């Protein structure tokens, strides 16, 4: 990408999109185009087509998405499927029709089967059943990456996709019910500390294994791939390291400074038993994550403390 190329970052107010904008700015890119949801509703095809006709971005990072934790995915699967499929199809289609030189589609590791081989290679996509608790979201993301692949094959576009593992960092959503596990734990332990609670109850039994990637590391990879990778197969983005939910919970509690008891509600769902990405492809391309989990959680807790409006969501 040329430093003055017109680059559209969809979803710049979200955690991932915001990190991509920061990464681009750090690397000297000067012509970054953004729109808020009030200015451009990506679920409205007419608005998306008008935007692309007027702006004609040369490069697009598609980081916009409707996201949430287990509760949100279980209670509103229709909303997750509709919103994500509409916005990604609208953006990808308009980018192709208006001569976009390259587009990068941001997905999620939940696209892989529930019982996929561990660590999960890119090639295991669609080899068996998905995790039921986030099936709707996964199906939407699979549709988006496949549409990019089909456009490449049929029309010779240069549309790529990257599938990150569980993300966290500045700009995260700390809602007590609608957030993902790590930001939810930060808020729960912070409030327990502030209220002087003797114990905190967490979901499941703590046994599932998860991998976590600091969002600014992902953003650097996204820019790196836009500059150095083309291909139909997606690229996994992760650390290659995993931790149990119990271990994560204890680590967050220590960093936040909560010293009470941690209890486990085994009537609540665990989700997928293990999710570890095979990141050998990204490694071969010359990229690796640099932020340790402990350092990343400390930075994320600082973000929580210094953004009271976000903490209230």
C-alpha atoms as a PDB file:
ATOM      1  CA  UNK A   1       0.000   0.000   0.000  1.00  0.00           C
ATOM      2  CA  UNK A   2       1.221   3.473  -0.821  1.00  0.00           C
ATOM      3  CA  UNK A   3       1.379   5.792   2.184  1.00  0.00           C
ATOM      4  CA  UNK A   4      -1.136   8.181   0.595  1.00  0.00           C
ATOM      5  CA  UNK A   5      -3.484   5.481  -0.746  1.00  0.00           C
ATOM      6  CA  UNK A   6      -7.135   5.907   0.221  1.00  0.00           C
ATOM      7  CA  UNK A   7      -7.869   3.304   2.904  1.00  0.00           C
ATOM      8  CA  UNK A   8     -11.348   2.660   4.306  1.00  0.00           C
ATOM      9  CA  UNK A   9     -11.521   1.084   7.769  1.00  0.00           C
ATOM     10  CA  UNK A  10     -15.045  -0.219   8.376  1.00  0.00           C
ATOM     11  CA  UNK A  11     -15.820  -0.397  12.078  1.00  0.00           C
ATOM     12  CA  UNK A  12     -13.218   2.127  13.237  1.00  0.00           C
ATOM     13  CA  UNK A  13     -15.067   2.754  16.507  1.00  0.00           C
ATOM     14  CA  UNK A  14     -14.852  -0.882  17.490  1.00  0.00           C
ATOM     15  CA  UNK A  15     -11.937  -2.514  19.258  1.00  0.00           C
ATOM     16  CA  UNK A  16     -10.409  -4.079  16.119  1.00  0.00           C
ATOM     17  CA  UNK A  17     -11.107  -1.221  13.734  1.00  0.00           C
ATOM     18  CA  UNK A  18      -9.728   1.305  16.192  1.00  0.00           C
ATOM     19  CA  UNK A  19      -6.538  -0.712  16.555  1.00  0.00           C
ATOM     20  CA  UNK A  20      -6.152  -0.939  12.771  1.00  0.00           C
ATOM     21  CA  UNK A  21      -6.454   2.847  12.480  1.00  0.00           C
ATOM     22  CA  UNK A  22      -3.792   3.250  15.186  1.00  0.00           C
ATOM     23  CA  UNK A  23      -1.487   0.808  13.400  1.00  0.00           C
ATOM     24  CA  UNK A  24      -1.927   2.543  10.045  1.00  0.00           C
ATOM     25  CA  UNK A  25      -1.223   5.936  11.585  1.00  0.00           C
ATOM     26  CA  UNK A  26       1.891   4.645  13.353  1.00  0.00           C
ATOM     27  CA  UNK A  27       3.170   3.346  10.035  1.00  0.00           C
ATOM     28  CA  UNK A  28       2.671   6.631   8.209  1.00  0.00           C
ATOM     29  CA  UNK A  29      -0.554   6.098   6.251  1.00  0.00           C
ATOM     30  CA  UNK A  30      -2.218   9.476   5.817  1.00  0.00           C
ATOM     31  CA  UNK A  31      -5.431   8.981   3.824  1.00  0.00           C
ATOM     32  CA  UNK A  32      -7.668   6.933   6.130  1.00  0.00           C
ATOM     33  CA  UNK A  33     -11.421   7.115   5.537  1.00  0.00           C
ATOM     34  CA  UNK A  34     -13.914   6.290   8.315  1.00  0.00           C
ATOM     35  CA  UNK A  35     -17.648   6.624   8.879  1.00  0.00           C
ATOM     36  CA  UNK A  36     -19.714   6.268  12.045  1.00  0.00           C
ATOM     37  CA  UNK A  37     -22.848   4.110  12.069  1.00  0.00           C
ATOM     38  CA  UNK A  38     -24.951   7.308  12.091  1.00  0.00           C
ATOM     39  CA  UNK A  39     -23.192   8.434   8.912  1.00  0.00           C
ATOM     40  CA  UNK A  40     -23.233   5.057   7.155  1.00  0.00           C
ATOM     41  CA  UNK A  41     -25.387   2.049   8.035  1.00  0.00           C
ATOM     42  CA  UNK A  42     -23.482  -0.889   6.563  1.00  0.00           C
ATOM     43  CA  UNK A  43     -26.619  -3.044   6.659  1.00  0.00           C
ATOM     44  CA  UNK A  44     -28.234  -0.716   4.118  1.00  0.00           C
ATOM     45  CA  UNK A  45     -27.135  -1.685   0.624  1.00  0.00           C
ATOM     46  CA  UNK A  46     -28.122   1.638  -0.905  1.00  0.00           C
ATOM     47  CA  UNK A  47     -26.025   3.591   1.599  1.00  0.00           C
ATOM     48  CA  UNK A  48     -22.991   1.333   1.161  1.00  0.00           C
ATOM     49  CA  UNK A  49     -23.136   1.525  -2.625  1.00  0.00           C
ATOM     50  CA  UNK A  50     -23.453   5.322  -2.532  1.00  0.00           C
ATOM     51  CA  UNK A  51     -20.472   5.581  -0.181  1.00  0.00           C
ATOM     52  CA  UNK A  52     -18.230   3.434  -2.387  1.00  0.00           C
ATOM     53  CA  UNK A  53     -19.256   5.294  -5.549  1.00  0.00           C
ATOM     54  CA  UNK A  54     -18.402   8.617  -3.904  1.00  0.00           C
ATOM     55  CA  UNK A  55     -15.199   7.663  -2.050  1.00  0.00           C
ATOM     56  CA  UNK A  56     -13.769   4.819  -4.171  1.00  0.00           C
ATOM     57  CA  UNK A  57     -11.309   3.554  -1.528  1.00  0.00           C
ATOM     58  CA  UNK A  58      -8.357   1.643  -2.901  1.00  0.00           C
ATOM     59  CA  UNK A  59      -8.002  -0.596   0.160  1.00  0.00           C
ATOM     60  CA  UNK A  60     -10.616  -1.779   2.642  1.00  0.00           C
ATOM     61  CA  UNK A  61     -10.264  -3.302   6.100  1.00  0.00           C
ATOM     62  CA  UNK A  62     -13.626  -4.867   6.942  1.00  0.00           C
ATOM     63  CA  UNK A  63     -13.529  -4.896  10.753  1.00  0.00           C
ATOM     64  CA  UNK A  64     -17.180  -3.959  11.348  1.00  0.00           C
ATOM     65  CA  UNK A  65     -19.304  -6.669  12.971  1.00  0.00           C
ATOM     66  CA  UNK A  66     -22.037  -7.343  15.488  1.00  0.00           C
ATOM     67  CA  UNK A  67     -20.264  -9.228  18.286  1.00  0.00           C
ATOM     68  CA  UNK A  68     -21.050 -10.549  21.759  1.00  0.00           C
ATOM     69  CA  UNK A  69     -20.435 -13.281  24.307  1.00  0.00           C
ATOM     70  CA  UNK A  70     -22.180 -16.601  24.915  1.00  0.00           C
ATOM     71  CA  UNK A  71     -25.400 -15.067  26.278  1.00  0.00           C
ATOM     72  CA  UNK A  72     -25.775 -12.626  23.402  1.00  0.00           C
ATOM     73  CA  UNK A  73     -25.105 -15.297  20.784  1.00  0.00           C
ATOM     74  CA  UNK A  74     -27.558 -17.725  22.365  1.00  0.00           C
ATOM     75  CA  UNK A  75     -30.407 -15.259  22.867  1.00  0.00           C
ATOM     76  CA  UNK A  76     -30.208 -13.391  19.555  1.00  0.00           C
ATOM     77  CA  UNK A  77     -28.872 -15.763  16.868  1.00  0.00           C
ATOM     78  CA  UNK A  78     -31.145 -14.308  14.169  1.00  0.00           C
ATOM     79  CA  UNK A  79     -29.855 -10.802  14.852  1.00  0.00           C
ATOM     80  CA  UNK A  80     -26.233 -11.949  14.738  1.00  0.00           C
ATOM     81  CA  UNK A  81     -26.725 -13.775  11.453  1.00  0.00           C
ATOM     82  CA  UNK A  82     -28.706 -11.026   9.739  1.00  0.00           C
ATOM     83  CA  UNK A  83     -26.569  -8.055  10.781  1.00  0.00           C
ATOM     84  CA  UNK A  84     -23.246  -9.700  10.015  1.00  0.00           C
ATOM     85  CA  UNK A  85     -24.259 -11.241   6.707  1.00  0.00           C
ATOM     86  CA  UNK A  86     -25.862  -8.035   5.474  1.00  0.00           C
ATOM     87  CA  UNK A  87     -23.009  -5.701   6.336  1.00  0.00           C
ATOM     88  CA  UNK A  88     -20.221  -7.943   5.078  1.00  0.00           C
ATOM     89  CA  UNK A  89     -21.987  -8.799   1.809  1.00  0.00           C
ATOM     90  CA  UNK A  90     -22.781  -5.135   1.196  1.00  0.00           C
ATOM     91  CA  UNK A  91     -19.211  -3.965   1.796  1.00  0.00           C
ATOM     92  CA  UNK A  92     -17.458  -6.770  -0.084  1.00  0.00           C
ATOM     93  CA  UNK A  93     -19.829  -6.509  -3.050  1.00  0.00           C
ATOM     94  CA  UNK A  94     -19.523  -2.716  -3.271  1.00  0.00           C
ATOM     95  CA  UNK A  95     -15.729  -2.926  -3.002  1.00  0.00           C
ATOM     96  CA  UNK A  96     -15.634  -5.325  -5.949  1.00  0.00           C
ATOM     97  CA  UNK A  97     -18.052  -3.272  -8.055  1.00  0.00           C
ATOM     98  CA  UNK A  98     -16.104  -0.061  -7.480  1.00  0.00           C
ATOM     99  CA  UNK A  99     -12.653  -1.357  -8.321  1.00  0.00           C
ATOM    100  CA  UNK A 100     -11.157  -1.717  -4.835  1.00  0.00           C
ATOM    101  CA  UNK A 101      -7.569  -2.898  -5.257  1.00  0.00           C
ATOM    102  CA  UNK A 102      -7.561  -5.049  -2.123  1.00  0.00           C
ATOM    103  CA  UNK A 103      -9.916  -5.909   0.725  1.00  0.00           C
ATOM    104  CA  UNK A 104      -9.214  -7.675   3.991  1.00  0.00           C
ATOM    105  CA  UNK A 105     -12.068  -9.491   5.714  1.00  0.00           C
ATOM    106  CA  UNK A 106     -11.872  -9.936   9.482  1.00  0.00           C
ATOM    107  CA  UNK A 107     -13.460 -13.103  10.823  1.00  0.00           C
ATOM    108  CA  UNK A 108     -13.225 -15.159  13.984  1.00  0.00           C
ATOM    109  CA  UNK A 109     -11.807 -18.495  15.095  1.00  0.00           C
ATOM    110  CA  UNK A 110     -15.379 -19.603  15.882  1.00  0.00           C
ATOM    111  CA  UNK A 111     -15.707 -20.461  12.187  1.00  0.00           C
ATOM    112  CA  UNK A 112     -13.872 -23.708  12.879  1.00  0.00           C
ATOM    113  CA  UNK A 113     -15.618 -26.919  13.992  1.00  0.00           C
ATOM    114  CA  UNK A 114     -16.382 -27.424  17.665  1.00  0.00           C
ATOM    115  CA  UNK A 115     -14.240 -30.552  17.788  1.00  0.00           C
ATOM    116  CA  UNK A 116     -11.605 -29.481  15.283  1.00  0.00           C
ATOM    117  CA  UNK A 117      -8.077 -30.886  15.585  1.00  0.00           C
ATOM    118  CA  UNK A 118      -5.929 -28.837  17.954  1.00  0.00           C
ATOM    119  CA  UNK A 119      -4.254 -26.553  17.149  1.00  0.00           C
ATOM    120  CA  UNK A 120      -6.728 -25.657  14.407  1.00  0.00           C
ATOM    121  CA  UNK A 121      -5.233 -25.235  10.911  1.00  0.00           C
ATOM    122  CA  UNK A 122      -6.928 -23.082   8.288  1.00  0.00           C
ATOM    123  CA  UNK A 123      -7.682 -26.264   6.335  1.00  0.00           C
ATOM    124  CA  UNK A 124     -10.116 -27.636   8.961  1.00  0.00           C
ATOM    125  CA  UNK A 125     -12.833 -25.166   7.949  1.00  0.00           C
ATOM    126  CA  UNK A 126     -16.184 -26.878   7.232  1.00  0.00           C
ATOM    127  CA  UNK A 127     -14.941 -30.359   8.096  1.00  0.00           C
ATOM    128  CA  UNK A 128     -17.489 -30.986  10.892  1.00  0.00           C
ATOM    129  CA  UNK A 129     -20.193 -29.355  13.048  1.00  0.00           C
ATOM    130  CA  UNK A 130     -19.854 -25.887  14.559  1.00  0.00           C
ATOM    131  CA  UNK A 131     -20.174 -24.925  18.233  1.00  0.00           C
ATOM    132  CA  UNK A 132     -23.966 -24.525  18.769  1.00  0.00           C
ATOM    133  CA  UNK A 133     -23.689 -21.517  21.104  1.00  0.00           C
ATOM    134  CA  UNK A 134     -22.260 -19.271  18.354  1.00  0.00           C
ATOM    135  CA  UNK A 135     -23.330 -21.103  15.215  1.00  0.00           C
ATOM    136  CA  UNK A 136     -25.237 -18.146  13.707  1.00  0.00           C
ATOM    137  CA  UNK A 137     -22.275 -15.782  14.015  1.00  0.00           C
ATOM    138  CA  UNK A 138     -19.900 -18.423  12.656  1.00  0.00           C
ATOM    139  CA  UNK A 139     -22.105 -19.118   9.637  1.00  0.00           C
ATOM    140  CA  UNK A 140     -22.216 -15.414   8.822  1.00  0.00           C
ATOM    141  CA  UNK A 141     -18.424 -15.117   9.015  1.00  0.00           C
ATOM    142  CA  UNK A 142     -17.935 -18.240   6.898  1.00  0.00           C
ATOM    143  CA  UNK A 143     -20.244 -16.753   4.269  1.00  0.00           C
ATOM    144  CA  UNK A 144     -18.191 -13.555   4.188  1.00  0.00           C
ATOM    145  CA  UNK A 145     -14.837 -15.242   3.747  1.00  0.00           C
ATOM    146  CA  UNK A 146     -16.257 -17.616   1.137  1.00  0.00           C
ATOM    147  CA  UNK A 147     -17.715 -14.706  -0.817  1.00  0.00           C
ATOM    148  CA  UNK A 148     -14.252 -13.145  -0.909  1.00  0.00           C
ATOM    149  CA  UNK A 149     -12.825 -16.453  -2.112  1.00  0.00           C
ATOM    150  CA  UNK A 150     -15.468 -16.834  -4.830  1.00  0.00           C
ATOM    151  CA  UNK A 151     -14.909 -13.277  -6.094  1.00  0.00           C
ATOM    152  CA  UNK A 152     -11.189 -14.004  -6.340  1.00  0.00           C
ATOM    153  CA  UNK A 153     -11.854 -17.132  -8.348  1.00  0.00           C
ATOM    154  CA  UNK A 154     -14.541 -15.712 -10.610  1.00  0.00           C
ATOM    155  CA  UNK A 155     -13.397 -12.131 -11.114  1.00  0.00           C
ATOM    156  CA  UNK A 156      -9.710 -12.061 -10.181  1.00  0.00           C
ATOM    157  CA  UNK A 157     -10.073  -9.791  -7.154  1.00  0.00           C
ATOM    158  CA  UNK A 158      -7.435  -9.635  -4.415  1.00  0.00           C
ATOM    159  CA  UNK A 159      -9.642 -10.095  -1.346  1.00  0.00           C
ATOM    160  CA  UNK A 160      -8.064 -11.821   1.654  1.00  0.00           C
ATOM    161  CA  UNK A 161      -9.302 -12.908   5.072  1.00  0.00           C
ATOM    162  CA  UNK A 162      -7.781 -13.234   8.531  1.00  0.00           C
ATOM    163  CA  UNK A 163      -9.261 -15.258  11.389  1.00  0.00           C
ATOM    164  CA  UNK A 164      -8.230 -14.008  14.831  1.00  0.00           C
ATOM    165  CA  UNK A 165      -8.483 -15.951  18.049  1.00  0.00           C
ATOM    166  CA  UNK A 166     -10.144 -14.408  21.143  1.00  0.00           C
ATOM    167  CA  UNK A 167      -9.259 -10.723  21.185  1.00  0.00           C
ATOM    168  CA  UNK A 168      -8.951  -8.180  23.979  1.00  0.00           C
ATOM    169  CA  UNK A 169      -7.466  -4.757  24.561  1.00  0.00           C
ATOM    170  CA  UNK A 170      -8.241  -1.023  24.418  1.00  0.00           C
ATOM    171  CA  UNK A 171     -11.731  -0.279  23.151  1.00  0.00           C
ATOM    172  CA  UNK A 172     -13.202  -3.569  24.392  1.00  0.00           C
ATOM    173  CA  UNK A 173     -16.810  -3.972  25.504  1.00  0.00           C
ATOM    174  CA  UNK A 174     -17.069  -4.426  29.280  1.00  0.00           C
ATOM    175  CA  UNK A 175     -20.816  -5.021  29.495  1.00  0.00           C
ATOM    176  CA  UNK A 176     -21.564  -7.534  32.299  1.00  0.00           C
ATOM    177  CA  UNK A 177     -23.783  -9.721  30.072  1.00  0.00           C
ATOM    178  CA  UNK A 178     -22.931  -8.956  26.437  1.00  0.00           C
ATOM    179  CA  UNK A 179     -19.132  -8.905  26.539  1.00  0.00           C
ATOM    180  CA  UNK A 180     -16.591 -11.653  25.953  1.00  0.00           C
ATOM    181  CA  UNK A 181     -14.974 -13.526  28.808  1.00  0.00           C
ATOM    182  CA  UNK A 182     -11.837 -11.471  29.453  1.00  0.00           C
ATOM    183  CA  UNK A 183     -13.388  -7.964  29.591  1.00  0.00           C
ATOM    184  CA  UNK A 184     -16.333  -9.387  31.543  1.00  0.00           C
ATOM    185  CA  UNK A 185     -13.924 -10.773  34.141  1.00  0.00           C
ATOM    186  CA  UNK A 186     -12.125  -7.433  34.386  1.00  0.00           C
ATOM    187  CA  UNK A 187     -15.366  -5.640  35.162  1.00  0.00           C
ATOM    188  CA  UNK A 188     -16.638  -8.331  37.527  1.00  0.00           C
ATOM    189  CA  UNK A 189     -13.492  -8.432  39.640  1.00  0.00           C
ATOM    190  CA  UNK A 190     -13.110  -4.653  39.628  1.00  0.00           C
ATOM    191  CA  UNK A 191     -16.656  -4.202  40.924  1.00  0.00           C
ATOM    192  CA  UNK A 192     -16.209  -7.001  43.474  1.00  0.00           C
ATOM    193  CA  UNK A 193     -13.082  -5.268  44.759  1.00  0.00           C
ATOM    194  CA  UNK A 194     -14.826  -1.906  44.932  1.00  0.00           C
ATOM    195  CA  UNK A 195     -17.816  -3.413  46.770  1.00  0.00           C
ATOM    196  CA  UNK A 196     -15.703  -5.503  49.142  1.00  0.00           C
ATOM    197  CA  UNK A 197     -17.326  -8.784  48.095  1.00  0.00           C
ATOM    198  CA  UNK A 198     -15.981 -11.969  49.669  1.00  0.00           C
ATOM    199  CA  UNK A 199     -16.639 -14.150  46.632  1.00  0.00           C
ATOM    200  CA  UNK A 200     -17.269 -14.038  42.894  1.00  0.00           C
ATOM    201  CA  UNK A 201     -19.092 -16.735  40.916  1.00  0.00           C
ATOM    202  CA  UNK A 202     -17.968 -17.525  37.374  1.00  0.00           C
ATOM    203  CA  UNK A 203     -19.637 -19.578  34.658  1.00  0.00           C
ATOM    204  CA  UNK A 204     -18.903 -23.247  33.978  1.00  0.00           C
ATOM    205  CA  UNK A 205     -16.165 -25.258  35.636  1.00  0.00           C
ATOM    206  CA  UNK A 206     -13.144 -23.316  34.373  1.00  0.00           C
ATOM    207  CA  UNK A 207     -11.785 -26.205  32.316  1.00  0.00           C
ATOM    208  CA  UNK A 208     -12.066 -24.904  28.717  1.00  0.00           C
ATOM    209  CA  UNK A 209      -8.795 -23.867  27.125  1.00  0.00           C
ATOM    210  CA  UNK A 210      -8.582 -20.560  25.275  1.00  0.00           C
ATOM    211  CA  UNK A 211      -6.062 -18.467  23.394  1.00  0.00           C
ATOM    212  CA  UNK A 212      -6.017 -14.661  23.668  1.00  0.00           C
ATOM    213  CA  UNK A 213      -4.472 -12.106  21.316  1.00  0.00           C
ATOM    214  CA  UNK A 214      -3.896  -8.451  22.173  1.00  0.00           C
ATOM    215  CA  UNK A 215      -5.786  -6.365  19.641  1.00  0.00           C
ATOM    216  CA  UNK A 216      -2.856  -4.115  18.663  1.00  0.00           C
ATOM    217  CA  UNK A 217      -0.850  -7.216  17.747  1.00  0.00           C
ATOM    218  CA  UNK A 218      -3.726  -8.274  15.496  1.00  0.00           C
ATOM    219  CA  UNK A 219      -3.856  -4.818  13.906  1.00  0.00           C
ATOM    220  CA  UNK A 220      -0.174  -4.966  13.021  1.00  0.00           C
ATOM    221  CA  UNK A 221      -0.764  -8.348  11.402  1.00  0.00           C
ATOM    222  CA  UNK A 222      -3.725  -6.971   9.434  1.00  0.00           C
ATOM    223  CA  UNK A 223      -1.590  -4.212   7.936  1.00  0.00           C
ATOM    224  CA  UNK A 224       1.260  -6.671   7.347  1.00  0.00           C
ATOM    225  CA  UNK A 225      -1.050  -9.050   5.437  1.00  0.00           C
ATOM    226  CA  UNK A 226      -2.505  -6.251   3.355  1.00  0.00           C
ATOM    227  CA  UNK A 227       1.033  -5.432   2.262  1.00  0.00           C
ATOM    228  CA  UNK A 228       2.490  -8.929   1.902  1.00  0.00           C
ATOM    229  CA  UNK A 229      -0.196 -11.606   1.401  1.00  0.00           C
ATOM    230  CA  UNK A 230      -2.591 -12.632  -1.331  1.00  0.00           C
ATOM    231  CA  UNK A 231      -4.467 -15.920  -1.478  1.00  0.00           C
ATOM    232  CA  UNK A 232      -7.828 -17.630  -1.161  1.00  0.00           C
ATOM    233  CA  UNK A 233      -7.074 -19.420   2.094  1.00  0.00           C
ATOM    234  CA  UNK A 234      -7.574 -17.455   5.281  1.00  0.00           C
ATOM    235  CA  UNK A 235      -4.730 -16.702   7.703  1.00  0.00           C
ATOM    236  CA  UNK A 236      -5.053 -17.551  11.380  1.00  0.00           C
ATOM    237  CA  UNK A 237      -4.097 -14.852  13.881  1.00  0.00           C
ATOM    238  CA  UNK A 238      -3.126 -15.915  17.385  1.00  0.00           C
ATOM    239  CA  UNK A 239      -0.312 -16.455  19.836  1.00  0.00           C
ATOM    240  CA  UNK A 240      -0.107 -20.245  19.667  1.00  0.00           C
ATOM    241  CA  UNK A 241      -0.425 -20.310  23.472  1.00  0.00           C
ATOM    242  CA  UNK A 242      -3.434 -21.301  25.563  1.00  0.00           C
ATOM    243  CA  UNK A 243      -4.692 -20.951  29.123  1.00  0.00           C
ATOM    244  CA  UNK A 244      -7.637 -22.499  30.964  1.00  0.00           C
ATOM    245  CA  UNK A 245     -10.565 -20.262  31.836  1.00  0.00           C
ATOM    246  CA  UNK A 246      -9.786 -21.006  35.487  1.00  0.00           C
ATOM    247  CA  UNK A 247      -6.197 -19.869  35.003  1.00  0.00           C
ATOM    248  CA  UNK A 248      -7.345 -16.759  33.143  1.00  0.00           C
ATOM    249  CA  UNK A 249      -9.818 -15.948  35.898  1.00  0.00           C
ATOM    250  CA  UNK A 250      -7.147 -16.189  38.581  1.00  0.00           C
ATOM    251  CA  UNK A 251      -4.766 -14.046  36.504  1.00  0.00           C
ATOM    252  CA  UNK A 252      -7.359 -11.308  35.961  1.00  0.00           C
ATOM    253  CA  UNK A 253      -8.278 -11.313  39.646  1.00  0.00           C
ATOM    254  CA  UNK A 254      -4.624 -10.876  40.609  1.00  0.00           C
ATOM    255  CA  UNK A 255      -4.044  -8.034  38.154  1.00  0.00           C
ATOM    256  CA  UNK A 256      -7.231  -6.236  39.222  1.00  0.00           C
ATOM    257  CA  UNK A 257      -6.328  -6.739  42.881  1.00  0.00           C
ATOM    258  CA  UNK A 258      -9.289  -8.868  43.972  1.00  0.00           C
ATOM    259  CA  UNK A 259      -8.396 -11.291  46.781  1.00  0.00           C
ATOM    260  CA  UNK A 260     -11.728 -12.983  47.557  1.00  0.00           C
ATOM    261  CA  UNK A 261     -12.884 -16.518  46.727  1.00  0.00           C
ATOM    262  CA  UNK A 262     -13.705 -17.611  43.183  1.00  0.00           C
ATOM    263  CA  UNK A 263     -16.648 -20.006  42.854  1.00  0.00           C
ATOM    264  CA  UNK A 264     -17.844 -21.874  39.762  1.00  0.00           C
ATOM    265  CA  UNK A 265     -21.451 -22.319  38.598  1.00  0.00           C
ATOM    266  CA  UNK A 266     -21.329 -25.635  36.744  1.00  0.00           C
ATOM    267  CA  UNK A 267     -24.973 -25.285  35.629  1.00  0.00           C
ATOM    268  CA  UNK A 268     -23.773 -22.633  33.176  1.00  0.00           C
ATOM    269  CA  UNK A 269     -22.318 -23.574  29.748  1.00  0.00           C
ATOM    270  CA  UNK A 270     -18.598 -23.961  29.166  1.00  0.00           C
ATOM    271  CA  UNK A 271     -18.703 -23.456  25.411  1.00  0.00           C
ATOM    272  CA  UNK A 272     -16.164 -25.128  23.143  1.00  0.00           C
ATOM    273  CA  UNK A 273     -13.785 -27.293  25.228  1.00  0.00           C
ATOM    274  CA  UNK A 274     -10.640 -26.083  23.484  1.00  0.00           C
ATOM    275  CA  UNK A 275      -9.777 -23.427  20.902  1.00  0.00           C
ATOM    276  CA  UNK A 276      -6.162 -23.050  19.863  1.00  0.00           C
ATOM    277  CA  UNK A 277      -5.169 -21.795  16.437  1.00  0.00           C
ATOM    278  CA  UNK A 278      -2.376 -23.173  14.318  1.00  0.00           C
ATOM    279  CA  UNK A 279      -0.461 -19.949  13.573  1.00  0.00           C
ATOM    280  CA  UNK A 280       2.366 -21.546  11.596  1.00  0.00           C
ATOM    281  CA  UNK A 281       1.180 -19.908   8.377  1.00  0.00           C
ATOM    282  CA  UNK A 282       1.423 -16.385   9.830  1.00  0.00           C
ATOM    283  CA  UNK A 283       4.783 -17.312  11.313  1.00  0.00           C
ATOM    284  CA  UNK A 284       6.078 -18.467   7.924  1.00  0.00           C
ATOM    285  CA  UNK A 285       4.942 -15.164   6.449  1.00  0.00           C
ATOM    286  CA  UNK A 286       7.139 -13.380   8.999  1.00  0.00           C
ATOM    287  CA  UNK A 287       4.750 -12.280  11.751  1.00  0.00           C
ATOM    288  CA  UNK A 288       4.337 -13.140  15.424  1.00  0.00           C
ATOM    289  CA  UNK A 289       2.525 -11.617  18.409  1.00  0.00           C
ATOM    290  CA  UNK A 290       4.647  -9.623  20.873  1.00  0.00           C
ATOM    291  CA  UNK A 291       2.358  -8.741  23.809  1.00  0.00           C
ATOM    292  CA  UNK A 292       2.265 -11.254  26.674  1.00  0.00           C
ATOM    293  CA  UNK A 293      -1.123 -12.095  28.185  1.00  0.00           C
ATOM    294  CA  UNK A 294      -0.246 -10.539  31.548  1.00  0.00           C
ATOM    295  CA  UNK A 295       1.013  -7.318  29.965  1.00  0.00           C
ATOM    296  CA  UNK A 296      -2.033  -7.152  27.709  1.00  0.00           C
ATOM    297  CA  UNK A 297      -4.467  -7.611  30.591  1.00  0.00           C
ATOM    298  CA  UNK A 298      -2.731  -4.835  32.536  1.00  0.00           C
ATOM    299  CA  UNK A 299      -3.060  -2.505  29.537  1.00  0.00           C
ATOM    300  CA  UNK A 300      -6.707  -3.496  29.112  1.00  0.00           C
ATOM    301  CA  UNK A 301      -7.467  -2.885  32.785  1.00  0.00           C
ATOM    302  CA  UNK A 302      -5.930   0.566  32.439  1.00  0.00           C
ATOM    303  CA  UNK A 303      -8.250   1.162  29.482  1.00  0.00           C
ATOM    304  CA  UNK A 304     -11.232   0.076  31.591  1.00  0.00           C
ATOM    305  CA  UNK A 305     -10.269   2.426  34.415  1.00  0.00           C
ATOM    306  CA  UNK A 306      -9.650   5.392  32.132  1.00  0.00           C
ATOM    307  CA  UNK A 307     -12.813   5.073  30.029  1.00  0.00           C
ATOM    308  CA  UNK A 308     -15.769   5.398  32.412  1.00  0.00           C
ATOM    309  CA  UNK A 309     -18.349   5.664  29.632  1.00  0.00           C
ATOM    310  CA  UNK A 310     -17.131   2.411  28.120  1.00  0.00           C
ATOM    311  CA  UNK A 311     -17.126   0.749  31.532  1.00  0.00           C
ATOM    312  CA  UNK A 312     -20.803   1.612  31.933  1.00  0.00           C
ATOM    313  CA  UNK A 313     -21.932  -0.189  28.781  1.00  0.00           C
END
